[in-house]
Amino acid sequence: MIVIVREGVAPDKLDELCGYLRSQNVEPHVVVGEKRTVVGLIGDTTCIDVHRLESMDQVASVRRVSEPFKKAGRQFHPDDTVVEAGGAVFGGGHFGVMAGPCAVESEEQCMAVAAAVKKAGATVFRGGAFKPRTSPYAFQGMGEEGLAILSKVKREFGMPVVSEVMDARDLPLFDDVDILQVGARNMQNYSLLKELGKTDKPILLKRGLAATIEELLMAAEYIMAGGNERVMLCERGTRSYDTRTRNAFDVSAIPVLRGLTHLPIIADPSHATGRARLVPPAAYAAVAAGADGLEVEVHCDPAHAASDGVQALLPAQFDEMMRRASLVRAAVADPLAVL
């Protein structure tokens, strides 16, 4: 349930309204937008006397929220959320690109890739220090040593970094990581999501291998219900029966999510396609569909990458992708400007 507040209501009167709502055993969540102020109600609203609520001087109208995701839903929060991390900004018209290797392999590797992607226009450096792999015998990442390398990259190039956290017990190790990534396999790891709700770091939440859009939003709700509202959603494709691509890239999920949520929407064309030659066209499609950012894998020597080399772009390919993506974004924003 959301309460639309009348225009011009004084702060003390709004506090009075919130006090009344708390007395009804629901928690009010005030959102001040550009055009209106709304109060979202968290909890069991069946006990609320809607007619009495509508009769209060502070209230313009009361609406039932049909969607189960309250904090993540656009009904609850009509204006786009803007997430800032170390100077990189996503959402609300801001666009950013996260780029780097799938896995941190060495300091030399990361420094070379970081120099290339920053020059091409990336705003965040990505690199996995802890890697969830299907096989227990595959490369699992460098762990703490990898995080130390990410910190060096951050200092050397002045770029915020994003890296995947797999276990809530490892959170103290991620103090110098700017964006915590939740991988597809952990999207419904609710104990991890609850712990991330207690942090104040931005979260990049990836869609699960077979997750519906609603399940993705409910996973975000877990984090937000815990108190952390700095959540970004990542569409990275879902598993299908086809073998020509790694996953089926659901580009339509981007505009669908835009209508359902105020959270920034990031696209990962690398995991979505699993083939380097398919990454740029998928990226352009995501940009045209309205994504707030991209996450792309880049490696200076993909043939010898420790993981996912087949989907990593070379720096020159990434540079060209960035150039064309900017043209697509400009064309969508103002078609006449590129004629």
C-alpha atoms as a PDB file:
ATOM      1  CA  MET A   1       0.000   0.000   0.000  1.00  0.00           C
ATOM      2  CA  ILE A   2       1.202   3.516  -0.770  1.00  0.00           C
ATOM      3  CA  VAL A   3      -0.083   6.825   0.531  1.00  0.00           C
ATOM      4  CA  ILE A   4       0.071   9.830  -1.802  1.00  0.00           C
ATOM      5  CA  VAL A   5       0.799  12.923   0.294  1.00  0.00           C
ATOM      6  CA  ARG A   6      -0.957  16.223  -0.480  1.00  0.00           C
ATOM      7  CA  GLU A   7       1.174  18.995  -1.932  1.00  0.00           C
ATOM      8  CA  GLY A   8       2.509  21.501   0.571  1.00  0.00           C
ATOM      9  CA  VAL A   9       2.230  19.292   3.652  1.00  0.00           C
ATOM     10  CA  ALA A  10       4.604  20.568   6.358  1.00  0.00           C
ATOM     11  CA  PRO A  11       7.341  18.229   7.665  1.00  0.00           C
ATOM     12  CA  ASP A  12       5.789  18.056  11.136  1.00  0.00           C
ATOM     13  CA  LYS A  13       2.460  17.002   9.633  1.00  0.00           C
ATOM     14  CA  LEU A  14       4.217  14.322   7.598  1.00  0.00           C
ATOM     15  CA  ASP A  15       5.893  13.083  10.789  1.00  0.00           C
ATOM     16  CA  GLU A  16       2.481  13.016  12.427  1.00  0.00           C
ATOM     17  CA  LEU A  17       1.152  10.853   9.576  1.00  0.00           C
ATOM     18  CA  CYS A  18       4.100   8.470   9.900  1.00  0.00           C
ATOM     19  CA  GLY A  19       3.524   8.228  13.635  1.00  0.00           C
ATOM     20  CA  TYR A  20      -0.074   7.224  13.057  1.00  0.00           C
ATOM     21  CA  LEU A  21       0.979   4.578  10.541  1.00  0.00           C
ATOM     22  CA  ARG A  22       3.494   3.105  12.965  1.00  0.00           C
ATOM     23  CA  SER A  23       0.705   2.852  15.530  1.00  0.00           C
ATOM     24  CA  GLN A  24      -1.047   0.592  13.018  1.00  0.00           C
ATOM     25  CA  ASN A  25       1.908  -1.821  13.090  1.00  0.00           C
ATOM     26  CA  VAL A  26       3.288  -0.944   9.650  1.00  0.00           C
ATOM     27  CA  GLU A  27       6.569   0.751   8.831  1.00  0.00           C
ATOM     28  CA  PRO A  28       6.292   3.923   6.705  1.00  0.00           C
ATOM     29  CA  HIS A  29       8.911   4.530   4.026  1.00  0.00           C
ATOM     30  CA  VAL A  30       8.893   8.143   2.815  1.00  0.00           C
ATOM     31  CA  VAL A  31      10.017   8.849  -0.761  1.00  0.00           C
ATOM     32  CA  VAL A  32      10.276  12.474  -1.830  1.00  0.00           C
ATOM     33  CA  GLY A  33      10.090  12.704  -5.629  1.00  0.00           C
ATOM     34  CA  GLU A  34      10.315  15.569  -8.070  1.00  0.00           C
ATOM     35  CA  LYS A  35       6.546  15.768  -8.499  1.00  0.00           C
ATOM     36  CA  ARG A  36       5.106  14.173  -5.368  1.00  0.00           C
ATOM     37  CA  THR A  37       5.823  12.618  -2.004  1.00  0.00           C
ATOM     38  CA  VAL A  38       4.632   9.098  -1.282  1.00  0.00           C
ATOM     39  CA  VAL A  39       4.701   6.972   1.835  1.00  0.00           C
ATOM     40  CA  GLY A  40       5.082   3.253   1.239  1.00  0.00           C
ATOM     41  CA  LEU A  41       3.824   0.901   3.925  1.00  0.00           C
ATOM     42  CA  ILE A  42       5.837  -2.184   4.815  1.00  0.00           C
ATOM     43  CA  GLY A  43       4.071  -4.893   6.770  1.00  0.00           C
ATOM     44  CA  ASP A  44       0.554  -6.290   7.083  1.00  0.00           C
ATOM     45  CA  THR A  45      -1.678  -3.554   5.642  1.00  0.00           C
ATOM     46  CA  THR A  46      -4.900  -5.543   5.915  1.00  0.00           C
ATOM     47  CA  CYS A  47      -5.540  -3.935   9.299  1.00  0.00           C
ATOM     48  CA  ILE A  48      -5.361  -0.395   7.876  1.00  0.00           C
ATOM     49  CA  ASP A  49      -8.684   1.496   7.716  1.00  0.00           C
ATOM     50  CA  VAL A  50      -8.307   2.985   4.229  1.00  0.00           C
ATOM     51  CA  HIS A  51     -11.302   5.310   4.614  1.00  0.00           C
ATOM     52  CA  ARG A  52      -9.935   6.800   7.825  1.00  0.00           C
ATOM     53  CA  LEU A  53      -6.516   7.190   6.234  1.00  0.00           C
ATOM     54  CA  GLU A  54      -7.972   8.969   3.206  1.00  0.00           C
ATOM     55  CA  SER A  55      -9.856  11.366   5.483  1.00  0.00           C
ATOM     56  CA  MET A  56      -6.632  12.699   7.030  1.00  0.00           C
ATOM     57  CA  ASP A  57      -5.576  16.196   5.935  1.00  0.00           C
ATOM     58  CA  GLN A  58      -2.111  15.055   4.857  1.00  0.00           C
ATOM     59  CA  VAL A  59      -3.404  12.375   2.476  1.00  0.00           C
ATOM     60  CA  ALA A  60      -4.341  12.897  -1.170  1.00  0.00           C
ATOM     61  CA  SER A  61      -5.086   9.246  -1.946  1.00  0.00           C
ATOM     62  CA  VAL A  62      -4.307   5.668  -0.965  1.00  0.00           C
ATOM     63  CA  ARG A  63      -3.416   2.917  -3.416  1.00  0.00           C
ATOM     64  CA  ARG A  64      -2.935  -0.796  -3.033  1.00  0.00           C
ATOM     65  CA  VAL A  65       0.363  -2.134  -4.376  1.00  0.00           C
ATOM     66  CA  SER A  66      -0.329  -5.356  -6.211  1.00  0.00           C
ATOM     67  CA  GLU A  67       3.303  -6.332  -6.789  1.00  0.00           C
ATOM     68  CA  PRO A  68       5.060  -8.326  -4.038  1.00  0.00           C
ATOM     69  CA  PHE A  69       8.271  -6.271  -4.387  1.00  0.00           C
ATOM     70  CA  LYS A  70       7.550  -3.111  -2.427  1.00  0.00           C
ATOM     71  CA  LYS A  71      10.894  -1.357  -2.031  1.00  0.00           C
ATOM     72  CA  ALA A  72      12.187  -2.377  -5.454  1.00  0.00           C
ATOM     73  CA  GLY A  73       8.930  -1.513  -7.231  1.00  0.00           C
ATOM     74  CA  ARG A  74       8.328   1.679  -9.177  1.00  0.00           C
ATOM     75  CA  GLN A  75       4.881   2.114  -7.574  1.00  0.00           C
ATOM     76  CA  PHE A  76       6.647   2.546  -4.264  1.00  0.00           C
ATOM     77  CA  HIS A  77       9.406   4.751  -5.680  1.00  0.00           C
ATOM     78  CA  PRO A  78       8.323   6.471  -8.943  1.00  0.00           C
ATOM     79  CA  ASP A  79      11.624   8.287  -9.633  1.00  0.00           C
ATOM     80  CA  ASP A  80      14.707   6.451 -10.891  1.00  0.00           C
ATOM     81  CA  THR A  81      17.311   5.579  -8.284  1.00  0.00           C
ATOM     82  CA  VAL A  82      20.849   6.800  -8.957  1.00  0.00           C
ATOM     83  CA  VAL A  83      23.665   4.630  -7.593  1.00  0.00           C
ATOM     84  CA  GLU A  84      27.126   6.169  -7.174  1.00  0.00           C
ATOM     85  CA  ALA A  85      30.252   4.130  -6.515  1.00  0.00           C
ATOM     86  CA  GLY A  86      33.684   5.714  -6.306  1.00  0.00           C
ATOM     87  CA  GLY A  87      32.755   8.400  -8.808  1.00  0.00           C
ATOM     88  CA  ALA A  88      30.969   6.096 -11.278  1.00  0.00           C
ATOM     89  CA  VAL A  89      27.248   6.822 -11.559  1.00  0.00           C
ATOM     90  CA  PHE A  90      24.438   4.572 -12.818  1.00  0.00           C
ATOM     91  CA  GLY A  91      20.734   5.265 -13.301  1.00  0.00           C
ATOM     92  CA  GLY A  92      18.612   8.354 -13.706  1.00  0.00           C
ATOM     93  CA  GLY A  93      20.116   9.101 -17.118  1.00  0.00           C
ATOM     94  CA  HIS A  94      23.677   8.231 -16.070  1.00  0.00           C
ATOM     95  CA  PHE A  95      25.434   5.462 -18.018  1.00  0.00           C
ATOM     96  CA  GLY A  96      28.562   3.557 -17.052  1.00  0.00           C
ATOM     97  CA  VAL A  97      30.640   0.584 -18.173  1.00  0.00           C
ATOM     98  CA  MET A  98      32.319  -2.032 -15.982  1.00  0.00           C
ATOM     99  CA  ALA A  99      35.132  -3.826 -17.793  1.00  0.00           C
ATOM    100  CA  GLY A 100      38.019  -6.146 -17.045  1.00  0.00           C
ATOM    101  CA  PRO A 101      38.995  -9.819 -16.933  1.00  0.00           C
ATOM    102  CA  CYS A 102      36.704 -12.556 -15.700  1.00  0.00           C
ATOM    103  CA  ALA A 103      39.325 -13.521 -13.135  1.00  0.00           C
ATOM    104  CA  VAL A 104      42.256 -11.727 -11.543  1.00  0.00           C
ATOM    105  CA  GLU A 105      45.294 -13.723 -12.649  1.00  0.00           C
ATOM    106  CA  SER A 106      48.251 -11.434 -11.914  1.00  0.00           C
ATOM    107  CA  GLU A 107      49.089  -7.823 -11.176  1.00  0.00           C
ATOM    108  CA  GLU A 108      50.652  -7.413 -14.626  1.00  0.00           C
ATOM    109  CA  GLN A 109      47.504  -8.724 -16.327  1.00  0.00           C
ATOM    110  CA  CYS A 110      45.167  -6.435 -14.403  1.00  0.00           C
ATOM    111  CA  MET A 111      47.308  -3.341 -14.863  1.00  0.00           C
ATOM    112  CA  ALA A 112      47.468  -3.869 -18.627  1.00  0.00           C
ATOM    113  CA  VAL A 113      43.726  -4.438 -18.953  1.00  0.00           C
ATOM    114  CA  ALA A 114      42.860  -1.536 -16.649  1.00  0.00           C
ATOM    115  CA  ALA A 115      44.977   0.875 -18.698  1.00  0.00           C
ATOM    116  CA  ALA A 116      43.231  -0.244 -21.883  1.00  0.00           C
ATOM    117  CA  VAL A 117      39.638  -0.174 -20.653  1.00  0.00           C
ATOM    118  CA  LYS A 118      40.022   3.180 -18.905  1.00  0.00           C
ATOM    119  CA  LYS A 119      41.424   4.702 -22.084  1.00  0.00           C
ATOM    120  CA  ALA A 120      38.415   3.328 -23.983  1.00  0.00           C
ATOM    121  CA  GLY A 121      35.976   4.937 -21.539  1.00  0.00           C
ATOM    122  CA  ALA A 122      35.184   2.293 -18.905  1.00  0.00           C
ATOM    123  CA  THR A 123      34.232   3.784 -15.543  1.00  0.00           C
ATOM    124  CA  VAL A 124      34.612   0.685 -13.313  1.00  0.00           C
ATOM    125  CA  PHE A 125      37.224  -2.095 -13.346  1.00  0.00           C
ATOM    126  CA  ARG A 126      35.847  -5.604 -12.925  1.00  0.00           C
ATOM    127  CA  GLY A 127      37.778  -8.654 -11.827  1.00  0.00           C
ATOM    128  CA  GLY A 128      36.939 -11.828  -9.968  1.00  0.00           C
ATOM    129  CA  ALA A 129      39.083 -12.715  -6.972  1.00  0.00           C
ATOM    130  CA  PHE A 130      36.753 -15.531  -5.884  1.00  0.00           C
ATOM    131  CA  LYS A 131      35.333 -17.589  -8.751  1.00  0.00           C
ATOM    132  CA  PRO A 132      32.358 -19.972  -8.502  1.00  0.00           C
ATOM    133  CA  ARG A 133      33.064 -22.753 -11.000  1.00  0.00           C
ATOM    134  CA  THR A 134      31.006 -25.749 -12.068  1.00  0.00           C
ATOM    135  CA  SER A 135      33.985 -28.053 -11.614  1.00  0.00           C
ATOM    136  CA  PRO A 136      35.709 -28.184  -8.213  1.00  0.00           C
ATOM    137  CA  TYR A 137      38.983 -28.725 -10.104  1.00  0.00           C
ATOM    138  CA  ALA A 138      38.757 -25.530 -12.174  1.00  0.00           C
ATOM    139  CA  PHE A 139      40.551 -22.308 -11.258  1.00  0.00           C
ATOM    140  CA  GLN A 140      38.766 -20.860  -8.213  1.00  0.00           C
ATOM    141  CA  GLY A 141      40.420 -17.450  -8.218  1.00  0.00           C
ATOM    142  CA  MET A 142      43.309 -15.906  -6.271  1.00  0.00           C
ATOM    143  CA  GLY A 143      41.217 -15.026  -3.231  1.00  0.00           C
ATOM    144  CA  GLU A 144      42.703 -12.433  -0.891  1.00  0.00           C
ATOM    145  CA  GLU A 145      45.732 -11.994  -3.137  1.00  0.00           C
ATOM    146  CA  GLY A 146      43.391 -11.125  -5.994  1.00  0.00           C
ATOM    147  CA  LEU A 147      41.600  -8.531  -3.884  1.00  0.00           C
ATOM    148  CA  ALA A 148      44.968  -6.965  -3.042  1.00  0.00           C
ATOM    149  CA  ILE A 149      45.694  -6.659  -6.769  1.00  0.00           C
ATOM    150  CA  LEU A 150      42.317  -4.988  -7.325  1.00  0.00           C
ATOM    151  CA  SER A 151      43.216  -2.455  -4.632  1.00  0.00           C
ATOM    152  CA  LYS A 152      46.442  -1.663  -6.486  1.00  0.00           C
ATOM    153  CA  VAL A 153      44.528  -1.169  -9.733  1.00  0.00           C
ATOM    154  CA  LYS A 154      42.095   1.117  -7.942  1.00  0.00           C
ATOM    155  CA  ARG A 155      44.915   3.305  -6.604  1.00  0.00           C
ATOM    156  CA  GLU A 156      46.938   3.301  -9.837  1.00  0.00           C
ATOM    157  CA  PHE A 157      44.101   4.245 -12.199  1.00  0.00           C
ATOM    158  CA  GLY A 158      41.621   5.963  -9.891  1.00  0.00           C
ATOM    159  CA  MET A 159      38.886   3.519 -10.930  1.00  0.00           C
ATOM    160  CA  PRO A 160      36.334   1.971  -8.585  1.00  0.00           C
ATOM    161  CA  VAL A 161      36.312  -1.833  -8.691  1.00  0.00           C
ATOM    162  CA  VAL A 162      33.593  -4.485  -8.721  1.00  0.00           C
ATOM    163  CA  SER A 163      34.172  -8.075  -7.647  1.00  0.00           C
ATOM    164  CA  GLU A 164      31.983 -11.044  -6.757  1.00  0.00           C
ATOM    165  CA  VAL A 165      31.379 -12.041  -3.162  1.00  0.00           C
ATOM    166  CA  MET A 166      30.348 -15.662  -2.683  1.00  0.00           C
ATOM    167  CA  ASP A 167      30.192 -16.036   1.083  1.00  0.00           C
ATOM    168  CA  ALA A 168      28.979 -13.596   3.733  1.00  0.00           C
ATOM    169  CA  ARG A 169      31.914 -14.645   5.907  1.00  0.00           C
ATOM    170  CA  ASP A 170      34.252 -13.069   3.326  1.00  0.00           C
ATOM    171  CA  LEU A 171      32.646  -9.605   3.501  1.00  0.00           C
ATOM    172  CA  PRO A 172      35.381  -8.130   5.771  1.00  0.00           C
ATOM    173  CA  LEU A 173      37.891  -8.902   2.996  1.00  0.00           C
ATOM    174  CA  PHE A 174      35.963  -6.664   0.570  1.00  0.00           C
ATOM    175  CA  ASP A 175      36.419  -3.360   2.409  1.00  0.00           C
ATOM    176  CA  ASP A 176      38.330  -1.827  -0.522  1.00  0.00           C
ATOM    177  CA  VAL A 177      35.892  -3.120  -3.182  1.00  0.00           C
ATOM    178  CA  ASP A 178      33.449  -0.439  -4.314  1.00  0.00           C
ATOM    179  CA  ILE A 179      30.674  -2.634  -5.767  1.00  0.00           C
ATOM    180  CA  LEU A 180      29.830  -6.100  -4.462  1.00  0.00           C
ATOM    181  CA  GLN A 181      28.659  -8.457  -7.186  1.00  0.00           C
ATOM    182  CA  VAL A 182      26.197 -11.269  -6.519  1.00  0.00           C
ATOM    183  CA  GLY A 183      26.654 -13.894  -9.227  1.00  0.00           C
ATOM    184  CA  ALA A 184      23.875 -15.755 -10.995  1.00  0.00           C
ATOM    185  CA  ARG A 185      24.410 -18.859  -8.869  1.00  0.00           C
ATOM    186  CA  ASN A 186      23.907 -16.853  -5.666  1.00  0.00           C
ATOM    187  CA  MET A 187      20.903 -14.754  -6.689  1.00  0.00           C
ATOM    188  CA  GLN A 188      18.704 -16.807  -4.363  1.00  0.00           C
ATOM    189  CA  ASN A 189      21.284 -17.310  -1.625  1.00  0.00           C
ATOM    190  CA  TYR A 190      19.025 -15.556   0.864  1.00  0.00           C
ATOM    191  CA  SER A 191      21.419 -15.700   3.805  1.00  0.00           C
ATOM    192  CA  LEU A 192      24.006 -13.845   1.673  1.00  0.00           C
ATOM    193  CA  LEU A 193      21.410 -11.337   0.448  1.00  0.00           C
ATOM    194  CA  LYS A 194      20.338 -10.593   4.026  1.00  0.00           C
ATOM    195  CA  GLU A 195      23.920  -9.882   5.044  1.00  0.00           C
ATOM    196  CA  LEU A 196      24.398  -7.604   2.032  1.00  0.00           C
ATOM    197  CA  GLY A 197      21.329  -5.731   3.219  1.00  0.00           C
ATOM    198  CA  LYS A 198      23.314  -4.722   6.293  1.00  0.00           C
ATOM    199  CA  THR A 199      26.142  -3.175   4.252  1.00  0.00           C
ATOM    200  CA  ASP A 200      26.255   0.304   2.744  1.00  0.00           C
ATOM    201  CA  LYS A 201      28.050  -0.736  -0.456  1.00  0.00           C
ATOM    202  CA  PRO A 202      26.387  -0.781  -3.891  1.00  0.00           C
ATOM    203  CA  ILE A 203      25.310  -4.269  -4.951  1.00  0.00           C
ATOM    204  CA  LEU A 204      25.318  -5.600  -8.517  1.00  0.00           C
ATOM    205  CA  LEU A 205      22.707  -8.376  -8.457  1.00  0.00           C
ATOM    206  CA  LYS A 206      22.819 -10.762 -11.402  1.00  0.00           C
ATOM    207  CA  ARG A 207      19.787 -12.630 -12.686  1.00  0.00           C
ATOM    208  CA  GLY A 208      19.887 -16.342 -11.922  1.00  0.00           C
ATOM    209  CA  LEU A 209      20.401 -19.036 -14.538  1.00  0.00           C
ATOM    210  CA  ALA A 210      16.681 -19.837 -14.681  1.00  0.00           C
ATOM    211  CA  ALA A 211      15.188 -16.965 -12.722  1.00  0.00           C
ATOM    212  CA  THR A 212      12.080 -15.042 -13.701  1.00  0.00           C
ATOM    213  CA  ILE A 213      12.055 -11.253 -13.672  1.00  0.00           C
ATOM    214  CA  GLU A 214       9.900 -11.319 -10.542  1.00  0.00           C
ATOM    215  CA  GLU A 215      12.350 -13.635  -8.775  1.00  0.00           C
ATOM    216  CA  LEU A 216      15.170 -11.212  -9.608  1.00  0.00           C
ATOM    217  CA  LEU A 217      13.194  -8.320  -8.136  1.00  0.00           C
ATOM    218  CA  MET A 218      12.323 -10.327  -5.032  1.00  0.00           C
ATOM    219  CA  ALA A 219      16.032 -11.094  -4.550  1.00  0.00           C
ATOM    220  CA  ALA A 220      16.667  -7.339  -4.697  1.00  0.00           C
ATOM    221  CA  GLU A 221      13.866  -6.918  -2.163  1.00  0.00           C
ATOM    222  CA  TYR A 222      15.774  -9.111   0.297  1.00  0.00           C
ATOM    223  CA  ILE A 223      18.752  -6.751   0.149  1.00  0.00           C
ATOM    224  CA  MET A 224      16.630  -3.608   0.323  1.00  0.00           C
ATOM    225  CA  ALA A 225      14.473  -4.912   3.162  1.00  0.00           C
ATOM    226  CA  GLY A 226      17.693  -5.254   5.160  1.00  0.00           C
ATOM    227  CA  GLY A 227      18.388  -1.532   4.774  1.00  0.00           C
ATOM    228  CA  ASN A 228      20.666  -1.325   1.712  1.00  0.00           C
ATOM    229  CA  GLU A 229      18.858   0.365  -1.168  1.00  0.00           C
ATOM    230  CA  ARG A 230      21.949   0.814  -3.382  1.00  0.00           C
ATOM    231  CA  VAL A 231      21.083  -2.111  -5.640  1.00  0.00           C
ATOM    232  CA  MET A 232      21.679  -2.497  -9.387  1.00  0.00           C
ATOM    233  CA  LEU A 233      20.101  -5.297 -11.400  1.00  0.00           C
ATOM    234  CA  CYS A 234      22.071  -7.199 -14.036  1.00  0.00           C
ATOM    235  CA  GLU A 235      20.530  -9.021 -16.994  1.00  0.00           C
ATOM    236  CA  ARG A 236      23.051 -11.673 -18.089  1.00  0.00           C
ATOM    237  CA  GLY A 237      20.862 -14.141 -19.919  1.00  0.00           C
ATOM    238  CA  THR A 238      19.103 -17.298 -18.780  1.00  0.00           C
ATOM    239  CA  ARG A 239      19.815 -20.916 -19.617  1.00  0.00           C
ATOM    240  CA  SER A 240      18.151 -22.358 -22.716  1.00  0.00           C
ATOM    241  CA  TYR A 241      18.316 -25.578 -24.752  1.00  0.00           C
ATOM    242  CA  ASP A 242      20.340 -23.947 -27.555  1.00  0.00           C
ATOM    243  CA  THR A 243      24.084 -24.512 -27.654  1.00  0.00           C
ATOM    244  CA  ARG A 244      25.063 -21.748 -30.080  1.00  0.00           C
ATOM    245  CA  THR A 245      25.260 -19.234 -27.232  1.00  0.00           C
ATOM    246  CA  ARG A 246      26.157 -19.625 -23.575  1.00  0.00           C
ATOM    247  CA  ASN A 247      22.770 -18.263 -22.501  1.00  0.00           C
ATOM    248  CA  ALA A 248      19.677 -16.708 -24.061  1.00  0.00           C
ATOM    249  CA  PHE A 249      20.054 -12.941 -23.711  1.00  0.00           C
ATOM    250  CA  ASP A 250      16.672 -11.582 -22.629  1.00  0.00           C
ATOM    251  CA  VAL A 251      17.031  -8.058 -23.993  1.00  0.00           C
ATOM    252  CA  SER A 252      13.280  -7.530 -23.517  1.00  0.00           C
ATOM    253  CA  ALA A 253      13.859  -7.835 -19.761  1.00  0.00           C
ATOM    254  CA  ILE A 254      15.472  -4.382 -19.816  1.00  0.00           C
ATOM    255  CA  PRO A 255      12.342  -2.395 -20.811  1.00  0.00           C
ATOM    256  CA  VAL A 256      10.173  -4.729 -18.723  1.00  0.00           C
ATOM    257  CA  LEU A 257      12.301  -3.990 -15.662  1.00  0.00           C
ATOM    258  CA  ARG A 258      12.265  -0.276 -16.510  1.00  0.00           C
ATOM    259  CA  GLY A 259       8.496  -0.286 -16.062  1.00  0.00           C
ATOM    260  CA  LEU A 260       8.563  -2.349 -12.874  1.00  0.00           C
ATOM    261  CA  THR A 261      11.488  -0.929 -10.901  1.00  0.00           C
ATOM    262  CA  HIS A 262      13.356   2.290 -10.196  1.00  0.00           C
ATOM    263  CA  LEU A 263      16.685   0.474  -9.775  1.00  0.00           C
ATOM    264  CA  PRO A 264      19.502   0.870 -12.345  1.00  0.00           C
ATOM    265  CA  ILE A 265      19.633  -1.895 -14.961  1.00  0.00           C
ATOM    266  CA  ILE A 266      22.990  -3.230 -16.159  1.00  0.00           C
ATOM    267  CA  ALA A 267      23.494  -5.689 -19.038  1.00  0.00           C
ATOM    268  CA  ASP A 268      26.250  -8.305 -19.238  1.00  0.00           C
ATOM    269  CA  PRO A 269      26.606  -9.292 -22.913  1.00  0.00           C
ATOM    270  CA  SER A 270      29.694 -11.417 -22.148  1.00  0.00           C
ATOM    271  CA  HIS A 271      27.894 -14.031 -20.059  1.00  0.00           C
ATOM    272  CA  ALA A 272      24.737 -13.618 -22.090  1.00  0.00           C
ATOM    273  CA  THR A 273      26.383 -14.787 -25.314  1.00  0.00           C
ATOM    274  CA  GLY A 274      29.574 -16.570 -24.287  1.00  0.00           C
ATOM    275  CA  ARG A 275      31.259 -15.749 -27.604  1.00  0.00           C
ATOM    276  CA  ALA A 276      33.505 -12.732 -28.097  1.00  0.00           C
ATOM    277  CA  ARG A 277      32.159 -11.981 -31.593  1.00  0.00           C
ATOM    278  CA  LEU A 278      28.596 -11.869 -30.239  1.00  0.00           C
ATOM    279  CA  VAL A 279      29.353  -9.524 -27.335  1.00  0.00           C
ATOM    280  CA  PRO A 280      29.361  -6.180 -29.227  1.00  0.00           C
ATOM    281  CA  PRO A 281      25.998  -6.694 -31.038  1.00  0.00           C
ATOM    282  CA  ALA A 282      24.373  -7.812 -27.780  1.00  0.00           C
ATOM    283  CA  ALA A 283      25.836  -4.752 -26.066  1.00  0.00           C
ATOM    284  CA  TYR A 284      24.368  -2.456 -28.725  1.00  0.00           C
ATOM    285  CA  ALA A 285      20.967  -4.103 -28.303  1.00  0.00           C
ATOM    286  CA  ALA A 286      21.121  -3.571 -24.537  1.00  0.00           C
ATOM    287  CA  VAL A 287      22.041   0.090 -24.970  1.00  0.00           C
ATOM    288  CA  ALA A 288      19.200   0.588 -27.461  1.00  0.00           C
ATOM    289  CA  ALA A 289      16.787  -1.119 -25.049  1.00  0.00           C
ATOM    290  CA  GLY A 290      17.629   1.430 -22.353  1.00  0.00           C
ATOM    291  CA  ALA A 291      20.228  -0.205 -20.102  1.00  0.00           C
ATOM    292  CA  ASP A 292      21.937   2.074 -17.572  1.00  0.00           C
ATOM    293  CA  GLY A 293      25.276   0.365 -18.072  1.00  0.00           C
ATOM    294  CA  LEU A 294      27.245  -2.623 -19.312  1.00  0.00           C
ATOM    295  CA  GLU A 295      29.553  -5.185 -17.728  1.00  0.00           C
ATOM    296  CA  VAL A 296      32.024  -6.569 -20.277  1.00  0.00           C
ATOM    297  CA  GLU A 297      34.923  -9.019 -20.025  1.00  0.00           C
ATOM    298  CA  VAL A 298      38.220  -7.829 -21.521  1.00  0.00           C
ATOM    299  CA  HIS A 299      41.544  -9.698 -21.587  1.00  0.00           C
ATOM    300  CA  CYS A 300      44.876  -8.983 -23.292  1.00  0.00           C
ATOM    301  CA  ASP A 301      45.428 -12.697 -24.031  1.00  0.00           C
ATOM    302  CA  PRO A 302      42.031 -14.459 -24.091  1.00  0.00           C
ATOM    303  CA  ALA A 303      43.497 -17.691 -25.495  1.00  0.00           C
ATOM    304  CA  HIS A 304      45.397 -18.218 -22.246  1.00  0.00           C
ATOM    305  CA  ALA A 305      42.826 -16.792 -19.805  1.00  0.00           C
ATOM    306  CA  ALA A 306      42.286 -18.778 -16.615  1.00  0.00           C
ATOM    307  CA  SER A 307      38.515 -18.638 -17.117  1.00  0.00           C
ATOM    308  CA  ASP A 308      35.986 -17.624 -19.800  1.00  0.00           C
ATOM    309  CA  GLY A 309      38.597 -16.551 -22.350  1.00  0.00           C
ATOM    310  CA  VAL A 310      36.265 -17.460 -25.225  1.00  0.00           C
ATOM    311  CA  GLN A 311      33.929 -14.583 -24.358  1.00  0.00           C
ATOM    312  CA  ALA A 312      36.558 -11.951 -23.525  1.00  0.00           C
ATOM    313  CA  LEU A 313      37.201  -9.060 -25.890  1.00  0.00           C
ATOM    314  CA  LEU A 314      40.670  -7.878 -26.798  1.00  0.00           C
ATOM    315  CA  PRO A 315      41.335  -4.245 -25.800  1.00  0.00           C
ATOM    316  CA  ALA A 316      41.052  -3.074 -29.435  1.00  0.00           C
ATOM    317  CA  GLN A 317      37.711  -4.837 -29.806  1.00  0.00           C
ATOM    318  CA  PHE A 318      36.478  -3.266 -26.590  1.00  0.00           C
ATOM    319  CA  ASP A 319      37.568   0.171 -27.784  1.00  0.00           C
ATOM    320  CA  GLU A 320      35.574  -0.243 -31.007  1.00  0.00           C
ATOM    321  CA  MET A 321      32.571  -1.566 -29.081  1.00  0.00           C
ATOM    322  CA  MET A 322      32.632   1.494 -26.827  1.00  0.00           C
ATOM    323  CA  ARG A 323      32.762   3.830 -29.830  1.00  0.00           C
ATOM    324  CA  ARG A 324      29.774   2.216 -31.504  1.00  0.00           C
ATOM    325  CA  ALA A 325      27.801   1.873 -28.271  1.00  0.00           C
ATOM    326  CA  SER A 326      28.110   5.622 -27.740  1.00  0.00           C
ATOM    327  CA  LEU A 327      26.668   6.177 -31.229  1.00  0.00           C
ATOM    328  CA  VAL A 328      23.749   3.852 -30.472  1.00  0.00           C
ATOM    329  CA  ARG A 329      23.070   5.630 -27.207  1.00  0.00           C
ATOM    330  CA  ALA A 330      23.143   9.020 -28.931  1.00  0.00           C
ATOM    331  CA  ALA A 331      20.805   7.772 -31.670  1.00  0.00           C
ATOM    332  CA  VAL A 332      18.272   6.509 -29.153  1.00  0.00           C
ATOM    333  CA  ALA A 333      18.432   9.754 -27.160  1.00  0.00           C
ATOM    334  CA  ASP A 334      18.061  11.984 -30.243  1.00  0.00           C
ATOM    335  CA  PRO A 335      17.617  10.190 -33.611  1.00  0.00           C
ATOM    336  CA  LEU A 336      17.847  13.440 -35.592  1.00  0.00           C
ATOM    337  CA  ALA A 337      21.241  14.277 -34.077  1.00  0.00           C
ATOM    338  CA  VAL A 338      22.989  11.434 -35.898  1.00  0.00           C
ATOM    339  CA  LEU A 339      21.456  12.035 -39.323  1.00  0.00           C
END
